[in-house]
N, C-alpha and C. Protein backbone atom coordinates (compact mmCIF):
# COMPACT_ATOMS: atom_id res chain seq x y z
N MET A 1 -21.46 -32.87 6.59
CA MET A 1 -20.96 -33.27 5.29
C MET A 1 -22.16 -33.49 4.36
N LEU A 2 -22.02 -33.00 3.14
CA LEU A 2 -23.04 -33.22 2.13
C LEU A 2 -22.46 -34.12 1.05
N LYS A 3 -23.30 -35.02 0.53
CA LYS A 3 -22.87 -35.94 -0.52
C LYS A 3 -23.79 -35.79 -1.72
N PHE A 4 -23.19 -35.82 -2.90
CA PHE A 4 -23.94 -35.66 -4.14
C PHE A 4 -23.47 -36.69 -5.16
N HIS A 5 -24.34 -36.99 -6.11
CA HIS A 5 -23.98 -37.80 -7.26
C HIS A 5 -24.19 -36.94 -8.50
N ALA A 6 -23.18 -36.87 -9.34
CA ALA A 6 -23.29 -36.16 -10.61
C ALA A 6 -23.14 -37.19 -11.71
N GLY A 7 -24.16 -37.31 -12.54
CA GLY A 7 -24.17 -38.33 -13.58
C GLY A 7 -23.48 -37.91 -14.87
N SER A 8 -23.03 -36.65 -14.93
CA SER A 8 -22.39 -36.15 -16.15
C SER A 8 -21.51 -34.96 -15.80
N VAL A 9 -20.71 -34.53 -16.76
CA VAL A 9 -19.90 -33.33 -16.57
C VAL A 9 -20.81 -32.14 -16.32
N GLN A 10 -21.91 -32.05 -17.06
CA GLN A 10 -22.83 -30.93 -16.88
C GLN A 10 -23.40 -30.90 -15.46
N GLU A 11 -23.70 -32.06 -14.89
CA GLU A 11 -24.21 -32.09 -13.51
C GLU A 11 -23.13 -31.69 -12.52
N THR A 12 -21.87 -31.97 -12.82
CA THR A 12 -20.77 -31.51 -11.98
C THR A 12 -20.69 -29.98 -12.03
N VAL A 13 -20.82 -29.41 -13.23
CA VAL A 13 -20.83 -27.96 -13.39
C VAL A 13 -22.02 -27.37 -12.62
N GLU A 14 -23.19 -27.97 -12.76
CA GLU A 14 -24.39 -27.46 -12.09
C GLU A 14 -24.24 -27.48 -10.57
N LEU A 15 -23.57 -28.48 -10.03
CA LEU A 15 -23.33 -28.51 -8.60
C LEU A 15 -22.38 -27.37 -8.21
N GLY A 16 -21.38 -27.10 -9.05
CA GLY A 16 -20.51 -25.94 -8.82
C GLY A 16 -21.30 -24.64 -8.82
N ILE A 17 -22.28 -24.53 -9.72
CA ILE A 17 -23.13 -23.34 -9.76
C ILE A 17 -23.91 -23.21 -8.46
N LYS A 18 -24.49 -24.31 -7.99
CA LYS A 18 -25.25 -24.27 -6.72
C LYS A 18 -24.38 -23.80 -5.57
N LEU A 19 -23.16 -24.34 -5.49
CA LEU A 19 -22.27 -23.90 -4.42
C LEU A 19 -21.91 -22.43 -4.62
N GLY A 20 -21.59 -22.06 -5.84
CA GLY A 20 -21.22 -20.67 -6.13
C GLY A 20 -22.27 -19.66 -5.71
N LYS A 21 -23.53 -20.04 -5.80
CA LYS A 21 -24.63 -19.13 -5.43
C LYS A 21 -24.69 -18.83 -3.94
N VAL A 22 -24.12 -19.70 -3.11
CA VAL A 22 -24.19 -19.48 -1.66
C VAL A 22 -22.87 -18.95 -1.08
N LEU A 23 -21.89 -18.70 -1.93
CA LEU A 23 -20.60 -18.22 -1.46
C LEU A 23 -20.59 -16.71 -1.27
N HIS A 24 -19.70 -16.27 -0.40
CA HIS A 24 -19.50 -14.85 -0.13
C HIS A 24 -18.02 -14.52 -0.25
N ARG A 25 -17.74 -13.23 -0.36
CA ARG A 25 -16.34 -12.77 -0.36
C ARG A 25 -15.60 -13.39 0.82
N GLY A 26 -14.38 -13.85 0.54
CA GLY A 26 -13.56 -14.41 1.60
C GLY A 26 -13.69 -15.91 1.77
N ASP A 27 -14.60 -16.55 1.05
CA ASP A 27 -14.77 -18.01 1.17
C ASP A 27 -13.66 -18.73 0.42
N ASN A 28 -13.26 -19.86 0.94
CA ASN A 28 -12.18 -20.67 0.37
C ASN A 28 -12.69 -22.08 0.10
N ILE A 29 -12.51 -22.53 -1.15
CA ILE A 29 -12.93 -23.86 -1.57
C ILE A 29 -11.68 -24.67 -1.88
N CYS A 30 -11.55 -25.82 -1.24
CA CYS A 30 -10.38 -26.68 -1.41
C CYS A 30 -10.79 -27.97 -2.11
N LEU A 31 -10.34 -28.15 -3.35
CA LEU A 31 -10.75 -29.28 -4.17
C LEU A 31 -9.70 -30.39 -4.16
N THR A 32 -10.18 -31.62 -4.04
CA THR A 32 -9.32 -32.79 -4.17
C THR A 32 -10.00 -33.80 -5.08
N GLY A 33 -9.19 -34.68 -5.62
CA GLY A 33 -9.70 -35.72 -6.52
C GLY A 33 -8.62 -36.06 -7.53
N ASP A 34 -8.74 -37.22 -8.10
CA ASP A 34 -7.75 -37.67 -9.08
C ASP A 34 -7.77 -36.81 -10.33
N LEU A 35 -6.73 -36.94 -11.13
CA LEU A 35 -6.64 -36.26 -12.41
C LEU A 35 -7.85 -36.63 -13.27
N GLY A 36 -8.50 -35.62 -13.84
CA GLY A 36 -9.61 -35.86 -14.75
C GLY A 36 -10.95 -36.12 -14.09
N THR A 37 -11.08 -35.82 -12.80
CA THR A 37 -12.36 -36.09 -12.14
C THR A 37 -13.35 -34.94 -12.26
N GLY A 38 -12.89 -33.75 -12.67
CA GLY A 38 -13.83 -32.65 -12.86
C GLY A 38 -13.63 -31.46 -11.94
N LYS A 39 -12.46 -31.32 -11.36
CA LYS A 39 -12.20 -30.20 -10.46
C LYS A 39 -12.33 -28.86 -11.20
N THR A 40 -11.77 -28.79 -12.40
CA THR A 40 -11.85 -27.54 -13.17
C THR A 40 -13.27 -27.30 -13.67
N ALA A 41 -13.98 -28.34 -14.05
CA ALA A 41 -15.39 -28.19 -14.46
C ALA A 41 -16.22 -27.66 -13.30
N PHE A 42 -16.00 -28.19 -12.11
CA PHE A 42 -16.69 -27.74 -10.91
C PHE A 42 -16.39 -26.26 -10.66
N THR A 43 -15.12 -25.88 -10.80
CA THR A 43 -14.71 -24.49 -10.64
C THR A 43 -15.40 -23.61 -11.68
N GLY A 44 -15.55 -24.13 -12.89
CA GLY A 44 -16.27 -23.39 -13.93
C GLY A 44 -17.71 -23.10 -13.53
N GLY A 45 -18.32 -24.03 -12.83
CA GLY A 45 -19.68 -23.81 -12.32
C GLY A 45 -19.71 -22.69 -11.29
N ILE A 46 -18.74 -22.70 -10.38
CA ILE A 46 -18.66 -21.61 -9.40
C ILE A 46 -18.51 -20.28 -10.12
N ALA A 47 -17.63 -20.25 -11.13
CA ALA A 47 -17.41 -19.02 -11.89
C ALA A 47 -18.70 -18.54 -12.56
N ARG A 48 -19.46 -19.45 -13.13
CA ARG A 48 -20.73 -19.06 -13.78
C ARG A 48 -21.68 -18.44 -12.77
N ALA A 49 -21.73 -19.01 -11.55
CA ALA A 49 -22.60 -18.45 -10.52
C ALA A 49 -22.17 -17.04 -10.13
N LEU A 50 -20.90 -16.74 -10.30
CA LEU A 50 -20.37 -15.41 -9.97
C LEU A 50 -20.48 -14.45 -11.15
N GLY A 51 -21.08 -14.90 -12.25
CA GLY A 51 -21.26 -14.04 -13.41
C GLY A 51 -20.02 -13.92 -14.28
N ILE A 52 -19.12 -14.87 -14.16
CA ILE A 52 -17.89 -14.85 -14.96
C ILE A 52 -18.16 -15.63 -16.24
N GLY A 53 -18.04 -14.95 -17.37
CA GLY A 53 -18.34 -15.57 -18.65
C GLY A 53 -17.15 -16.20 -19.34
N GLU A 54 -15.96 -15.95 -18.81
CA GLU A 54 -14.75 -16.50 -19.42
C GLU A 54 -14.71 -18.01 -19.26
N TYR A 55 -14.01 -18.66 -20.19
CA TYR A 55 -13.78 -20.09 -20.09
C TYR A 55 -12.75 -20.31 -19.00
N ILE A 56 -13.03 -21.18 -18.06
CA ILE A 56 -12.15 -21.44 -16.94
C ILE A 56 -11.18 -22.56 -17.31
N THR A 57 -9.90 -22.28 -17.16
CA THR A 57 -8.88 -23.29 -17.41
C THR A 57 -8.07 -23.48 -16.14
N SER A 58 -7.49 -24.64 -16.02
CA SER A 58 -6.68 -24.92 -14.85
C SER A 58 -5.35 -24.18 -14.96
N PRO A 59 -4.98 -23.41 -13.93
CA PRO A 59 -3.72 -22.65 -13.98
C PRO A 59 -2.51 -23.48 -13.56
N THR A 60 -2.36 -24.64 -14.16
CA THR A 60 -1.30 -25.58 -13.76
C THR A 60 0.08 -24.95 -13.82
N PHE A 61 0.36 -24.16 -14.83
CA PHE A 61 1.71 -23.60 -14.98
C PHE A 61 1.83 -22.21 -14.39
N THR A 62 0.74 -21.47 -14.30
CA THR A 62 0.79 -20.12 -13.73
C THR A 62 0.47 -20.14 -12.24
N ILE A 63 -0.04 -21.21 -11.73
CA ILE A 63 -0.43 -21.46 -10.34
C ILE A 63 -1.75 -20.78 -9.97
N VAL A 64 -1.96 -19.54 -10.40
CA VAL A 64 -3.22 -18.86 -10.05
C VAL A 64 -3.72 -18.05 -11.24
N ASN A 65 -5.04 -18.15 -11.47
CA ASN A 65 -5.73 -17.29 -12.44
C ASN A 65 -6.71 -16.44 -11.67
N GLU A 66 -6.86 -15.20 -12.09
CA GLU A 66 -7.81 -14.28 -11.47
C GLU A 66 -8.91 -13.94 -12.46
N TYR A 67 -10.14 -13.94 -11.97
CA TYR A 67 -11.30 -13.62 -12.80
C TYR A 67 -12.16 -12.59 -12.06
N GLU A 68 -12.74 -11.66 -12.82
CA GLU A 68 -13.62 -10.66 -12.23
C GLU A 68 -15.07 -11.03 -12.49
N GLY A 69 -15.87 -10.98 -11.45
CA GLY A 69 -17.29 -11.25 -11.54
C GLY A 69 -17.99 -10.54 -10.39
N LYS A 70 -19.11 -11.08 -9.97
CA LYS A 70 -19.84 -10.54 -8.81
C LYS A 70 -18.88 -10.38 -7.63
N HIS A 71 -18.02 -11.36 -7.44
CA HIS A 71 -16.89 -11.33 -6.52
C HIS A 71 -15.68 -11.79 -7.33
N PRO A 72 -14.49 -11.31 -7.00
CA PRO A 72 -13.31 -11.83 -7.69
C PRO A 72 -13.16 -13.33 -7.39
N LEU A 73 -12.69 -14.07 -8.38
CA LEU A 73 -12.42 -15.50 -8.21
C LEU A 73 -10.93 -15.71 -8.41
N TYR A 74 -10.30 -16.34 -7.42
CA TYR A 74 -8.89 -16.67 -7.48
C TYR A 74 -8.80 -18.18 -7.57
N HIS A 75 -8.32 -18.67 -8.69
CA HIS A 75 -8.31 -20.11 -8.98
C HIS A 75 -6.88 -20.61 -8.97
N PHE A 76 -6.55 -21.38 -7.94
CA PHE A 76 -5.22 -21.97 -7.80
C PHE A 76 -5.22 -23.41 -8.29
N ASP A 77 -4.10 -23.81 -8.88
CA ASP A 77 -3.82 -25.22 -9.16
C ASP A 77 -2.43 -25.46 -8.61
N VAL A 78 -2.34 -26.23 -7.53
CA VAL A 78 -1.05 -26.40 -6.85
C VAL A 78 -0.40 -27.74 -7.19
N TYR A 79 -0.85 -28.37 -8.28
CA TYR A 79 -0.33 -29.68 -8.67
C TYR A 79 1.19 -29.67 -8.83
N ARG A 80 1.73 -28.60 -9.36
CA ARG A 80 3.17 -28.54 -9.63
C ARG A 80 3.98 -27.85 -8.53
N ILE A 81 3.34 -27.55 -7.42
CA ILE A 81 4.04 -26.92 -6.30
C ILE A 81 4.96 -27.96 -5.65
N GLY A 82 6.21 -27.59 -5.45
CA GLY A 82 7.17 -28.51 -4.84
C GLY A 82 7.00 -28.59 -3.34
N ASP A 83 6.72 -27.44 -2.72
CA ASP A 83 6.47 -27.42 -1.28
C ASP A 83 5.67 -26.17 -0.94
N ALA A 84 5.17 -26.13 0.27
CA ALA A 84 4.28 -25.04 0.68
C ALA A 84 4.97 -23.68 0.59
N ASP A 85 6.30 -23.64 0.76
CA ASP A 85 7.01 -22.35 0.69
C ASP A 85 6.80 -21.66 -0.65
N GLU A 86 6.65 -22.42 -1.71
CA GLU A 86 6.41 -21.83 -3.03
C GLU A 86 5.11 -21.04 -3.07
N MET A 87 4.15 -21.44 -2.23
CA MET A 87 2.86 -20.75 -2.21
C MET A 87 3.00 -19.31 -1.72
N PHE A 88 3.94 -19.06 -0.84
CA PHE A 88 4.12 -17.72 -0.30
C PHE A 88 4.50 -16.73 -1.39
N GLU A 89 5.23 -17.21 -2.40
CA GLU A 89 5.66 -16.35 -3.50
C GLU A 89 4.49 -15.90 -4.37
N THR A 90 3.37 -16.61 -4.32
CA THR A 90 2.20 -16.27 -5.13
C THR A 90 1.32 -15.22 -4.48
N GLY A 91 1.60 -14.88 -3.22
CA GLY A 91 0.69 -14.00 -2.48
C GLY A 91 -0.46 -14.78 -1.89
N TYR A 92 -0.25 -16.06 -1.70
CA TYR A 92 -1.30 -16.99 -1.25
C TYR A 92 -2.10 -16.46 -0.06
N TYR A 93 -1.43 -15.99 0.98
CA TYR A 93 -2.16 -15.55 2.18
C TYR A 93 -3.02 -14.32 1.90
N GLU A 94 -2.58 -13.47 1.00
CA GLU A 94 -3.40 -12.31 0.64
C GLU A 94 -4.66 -12.77 -0.10
N TYR A 95 -4.52 -13.79 -0.94
CA TYR A 95 -5.68 -14.31 -1.65
C TYR A 95 -6.69 -14.95 -0.69
N ILE A 96 -6.21 -15.84 0.18
CA ILE A 96 -7.17 -16.60 1.02
C ILE A 96 -7.79 -15.74 2.12
N SER A 97 -7.20 -14.59 2.39
CA SER A 97 -7.79 -13.72 3.41
C SER A 97 -8.29 -12.43 2.78
N GLY A 98 -8.46 -12.45 1.46
CA GLY A 98 -8.83 -11.24 0.74
C GLY A 98 -10.32 -11.10 0.49
N GLU A 99 -10.62 -10.31 -0.50
CA GLU A 99 -12.00 -9.93 -0.81
C GLU A 99 -12.67 -10.80 -1.87
N GLY A 100 -11.98 -11.83 -2.31
CA GLY A 100 -12.56 -12.68 -3.34
C GLY A 100 -12.90 -14.06 -2.82
N ILE A 101 -13.23 -14.92 -3.75
CA ILE A 101 -13.47 -16.33 -3.46
C ILE A 101 -12.28 -17.09 -4.03
N THR A 102 -11.68 -17.94 -3.21
CA THR A 102 -10.50 -18.68 -3.61
C THR A 102 -10.84 -20.15 -3.80
N VAL A 103 -10.47 -20.71 -4.94
CA VAL A 103 -10.63 -22.13 -5.20
C VAL A 103 -9.22 -22.70 -5.39
N ILE A 104 -8.93 -23.78 -4.66
CA ILE A 104 -7.60 -24.40 -4.71
C ILE A 104 -7.75 -25.84 -5.18
N GLU A 105 -7.26 -26.12 -6.39
CA GLU A 105 -7.24 -27.51 -6.88
C GLU A 105 -6.01 -28.20 -6.33
N TRP A 106 -6.15 -29.49 -6.02
CA TRP A 106 -5.09 -30.30 -5.45
C TRP A 106 -4.73 -29.81 -4.05
N ALA A 107 -5.73 -29.36 -3.31
CA ALA A 107 -5.52 -28.78 -1.99
C ALA A 107 -4.82 -29.74 -1.02
N ASP A 108 -4.97 -31.03 -1.24
CA ASP A 108 -4.33 -32.01 -0.35
C ASP A 108 -2.81 -31.91 -0.39
N LEU A 109 -2.25 -31.28 -1.42
CA LEU A 109 -0.79 -31.14 -1.53
C LEU A 109 -0.24 -30.03 -0.64
N ILE A 110 -1.13 -29.17 -0.13
CA ILE A 110 -0.68 -28.08 0.76
C ILE A 110 -1.49 -28.08 2.05
N LYS A 111 -1.83 -29.26 2.55
CA LYS A 111 -2.67 -29.39 3.75
C LYS A 111 -2.23 -28.50 4.90
N GLY A 112 -0.94 -28.40 5.13
CA GLY A 112 -0.43 -27.66 6.28
C GLY A 112 -0.70 -26.18 6.27
N ILE A 113 -1.05 -25.61 5.12
CA ILE A 113 -1.29 -24.16 5.05
C ILE A 113 -2.70 -23.81 4.57
N LEU A 114 -3.60 -24.80 4.57
CA LEU A 114 -4.97 -24.50 4.18
C LEU A 114 -5.63 -23.65 5.26
N PRO A 115 -6.54 -22.76 4.86
CA PRO A 115 -7.22 -21.94 5.86
C PRO A 115 -8.12 -22.80 6.75
N ASP A 116 -8.26 -22.39 8.01
CA ASP A 116 -9.15 -23.12 8.93
C ASP A 116 -10.60 -23.02 8.47
N GLU A 117 -10.97 -21.86 7.98
CA GLU A 117 -12.33 -21.59 7.49
C GLU A 117 -12.35 -21.94 6.01
N ARG A 118 -13.02 -23.05 5.67
CA ARG A 118 -12.98 -23.49 4.27
C ARG A 118 -14.07 -24.53 4.00
N ILE A 119 -14.24 -24.80 2.71
CA ILE A 119 -15.12 -25.87 2.25
C ILE A 119 -14.25 -26.84 1.47
N ASP A 120 -14.17 -28.08 1.94
CA ASP A 120 -13.42 -29.12 1.24
C ASP A 120 -14.37 -29.87 0.32
N VAL A 121 -14.00 -29.97 -0.94
CA VAL A 121 -14.80 -30.68 -1.94
C VAL A 121 -13.95 -31.79 -2.53
N ASN A 122 -14.43 -33.02 -2.40
CA ASN A 122 -13.72 -34.16 -2.97
C ASN A 122 -14.56 -34.72 -4.10
N ILE A 123 -13.94 -34.90 -5.26
CA ILE A 123 -14.63 -35.43 -6.44
C ILE A 123 -13.97 -36.75 -6.83
N GLN A 124 -14.75 -37.80 -6.88
CA GLN A 124 -14.24 -39.12 -7.22
C GLN A 124 -15.08 -39.73 -8.34
N LYS A 125 -14.44 -40.50 -9.20
CA LYS A 125 -15.18 -41.25 -10.21
C LYS A 125 -16.05 -42.28 -9.50
N ASP A 126 -17.27 -42.44 -9.98
CA ASP A 126 -18.17 -43.45 -9.44
C ASP A 126 -17.97 -44.72 -10.24
N SER A 127 -17.23 -45.64 -9.68
CA SER A 127 -16.86 -46.85 -10.41
C SER A 127 -18.04 -47.78 -10.66
N THR A 128 -19.18 -47.53 -10.01
CA THR A 128 -20.36 -48.37 -10.23
C THR A 128 -21.19 -47.88 -11.41
N GLN A 129 -20.83 -46.71 -11.96
CA GLN A 129 -21.62 -46.10 -13.03
C GLN A 129 -20.75 -45.90 -14.27
N ASP A 130 -21.29 -45.15 -15.24
CA ASP A 130 -20.53 -44.89 -16.47
C ASP A 130 -19.37 -43.93 -16.18
N THR A 131 -18.58 -43.65 -17.18
CA THR A 131 -17.33 -42.92 -17.00
C THR A 131 -17.49 -41.47 -16.55
N ASP A 132 -18.63 -40.83 -16.80
CA ASP A 132 -18.81 -39.44 -16.41
C ASP A 132 -19.44 -39.27 -15.04
N SER A 133 -19.83 -40.35 -14.39
CA SER A 133 -20.46 -40.26 -13.07
C SER A 133 -19.43 -39.94 -11.99
N ARG A 134 -19.84 -39.05 -11.08
CA ARG A 134 -18.95 -38.62 -10.01
C ARG A 134 -19.68 -38.66 -8.67
N LEU A 135 -18.92 -38.99 -7.63
CA LEU A 135 -19.38 -38.87 -6.25
C LEU A 135 -18.67 -37.65 -5.68
N ILE A 136 -19.46 -36.71 -5.19
CA ILE A 136 -18.90 -35.44 -4.72
C ILE A 136 -19.31 -35.24 -3.26
N THR A 137 -18.31 -35.07 -2.41
CA THR A 137 -18.59 -34.81 -1.00
C THR A 137 -18.06 -33.43 -0.65
N MET A 138 -18.79 -32.76 0.24
CA MET A 138 -18.39 -31.44 0.71
C MET A 138 -18.37 -31.44 2.23
N GLU A 139 -17.26 -30.98 2.79
CA GLU A 139 -17.14 -30.81 4.24
C GLU A 139 -16.93 -29.34 4.51
N PHE A 140 -17.58 -28.85 5.54
CA PHE A 140 -17.61 -27.42 5.84
C PHE A 140 -16.94 -27.16 7.18
N PHE A 141 -15.92 -26.28 7.18
CA PHE A 141 -15.16 -25.99 8.39
C PHE A 141 -15.28 -24.52 8.73
N GLY A 142 -15.75 -24.22 9.93
CA GLY A 142 -15.89 -22.85 10.40
C GLY A 142 -17.32 -22.35 10.28
N GLU A 143 -17.58 -21.23 10.95
CA GLU A 143 -18.93 -20.67 11.00
C GLU A 143 -19.44 -20.24 9.62
N ARG A 144 -18.62 -19.51 8.88
CA ARG A 144 -19.04 -19.04 7.55
C ARG A 144 -19.35 -20.22 6.64
N ALA A 145 -18.48 -21.22 6.69
CA ALA A 145 -18.68 -22.41 5.85
C ALA A 145 -19.94 -23.15 6.27
N ALA A 146 -20.21 -23.20 7.58
CA ALA A 146 -21.42 -23.87 8.08
C ALA A 146 -22.67 -23.18 7.55
N GLU A 147 -22.62 -21.86 7.43
CA GLU A 147 -23.76 -21.12 6.86
C GLU A 147 -23.93 -21.49 5.39
N CYS A 148 -22.84 -21.62 4.65
CA CYS A 148 -22.92 -22.06 3.26
C CYS A 148 -23.53 -23.46 3.19
N GLU A 149 -23.16 -24.33 4.11
CA GLU A 149 -23.72 -25.69 4.13
C GLU A 149 -25.22 -25.65 4.33
N ARG A 150 -25.69 -24.83 5.27
CA ARG A 150 -27.15 -24.71 5.50
C ARG A 150 -27.86 -24.20 4.25
N ARG A 151 -27.30 -23.17 3.63
CA ARG A 151 -27.94 -22.60 2.45
C ARG A 151 -27.94 -23.57 1.27
N LEU A 152 -26.82 -24.26 1.07
CA LEU A 152 -26.73 -25.23 -0.01
C LEU A 152 -27.67 -26.41 0.23
N SER A 153 -27.73 -26.87 1.46
CA SER A 153 -28.62 -27.96 1.82
C SER A 153 -30.08 -27.59 1.58
N ASN A 154 -30.44 -26.37 1.97
CA ASN A 154 -31.81 -25.88 1.74
C ASN A 154 -32.12 -25.77 0.26
N GLU A 155 -31.15 -25.26 -0.53
CA GLU A 155 -31.36 -25.13 -1.98
C GLU A 155 -31.51 -26.50 -2.63
N SER A 156 -30.71 -27.46 -2.19
CA SER A 156 -30.72 -28.79 -2.79
C SER A 156 -32.00 -29.56 -2.47
N THR A 157 -32.60 -29.26 -1.31
CA THR A 157 -33.84 -29.95 -0.92
C THR A 157 -35.07 -29.14 -1.31
N GLY A 158 -34.83 -27.93 -1.83
CA GLY A 158 -35.96 -27.11 -2.29
C GLY A 158 -36.64 -26.35 -1.18
N ASN A 159 -36.02 -26.23 -0.01
CA ASN A 159 -36.61 -25.48 1.11
C ASN A 159 -36.29 -24.00 1.01
């Protein structure tokens, strides 16, 4: 598990960029955190690392947005999903096992169908600091994710 502190929205975006730089096709990022903690900003950082210049918005009503970059980015927001069965209608399994990078906001709402191979990112407000400070933890599941953890850890320490 890796832990980070982001003192501003920009630092949250920059951490997303760092993670985005170590991702490969087929990687799945599962985001959790309260409303307004920066999940979409973090996703915007991943998108920037993939060379996506579009403004990233949360697909709350469309459930998934697709972006083209170095690798395709599939951005899910499952906040309004009633149950996991609704995910099947979106082509969910094709996305998470496909050729792009999948980011799922509110991943805790579909725990039962999350991929085994994934990176869980939790973003929480840091109540000991000002309003833009965040505590961000990342847990890595599976071999591919473990490789991302090593690369991200090395980049963060400057090795």
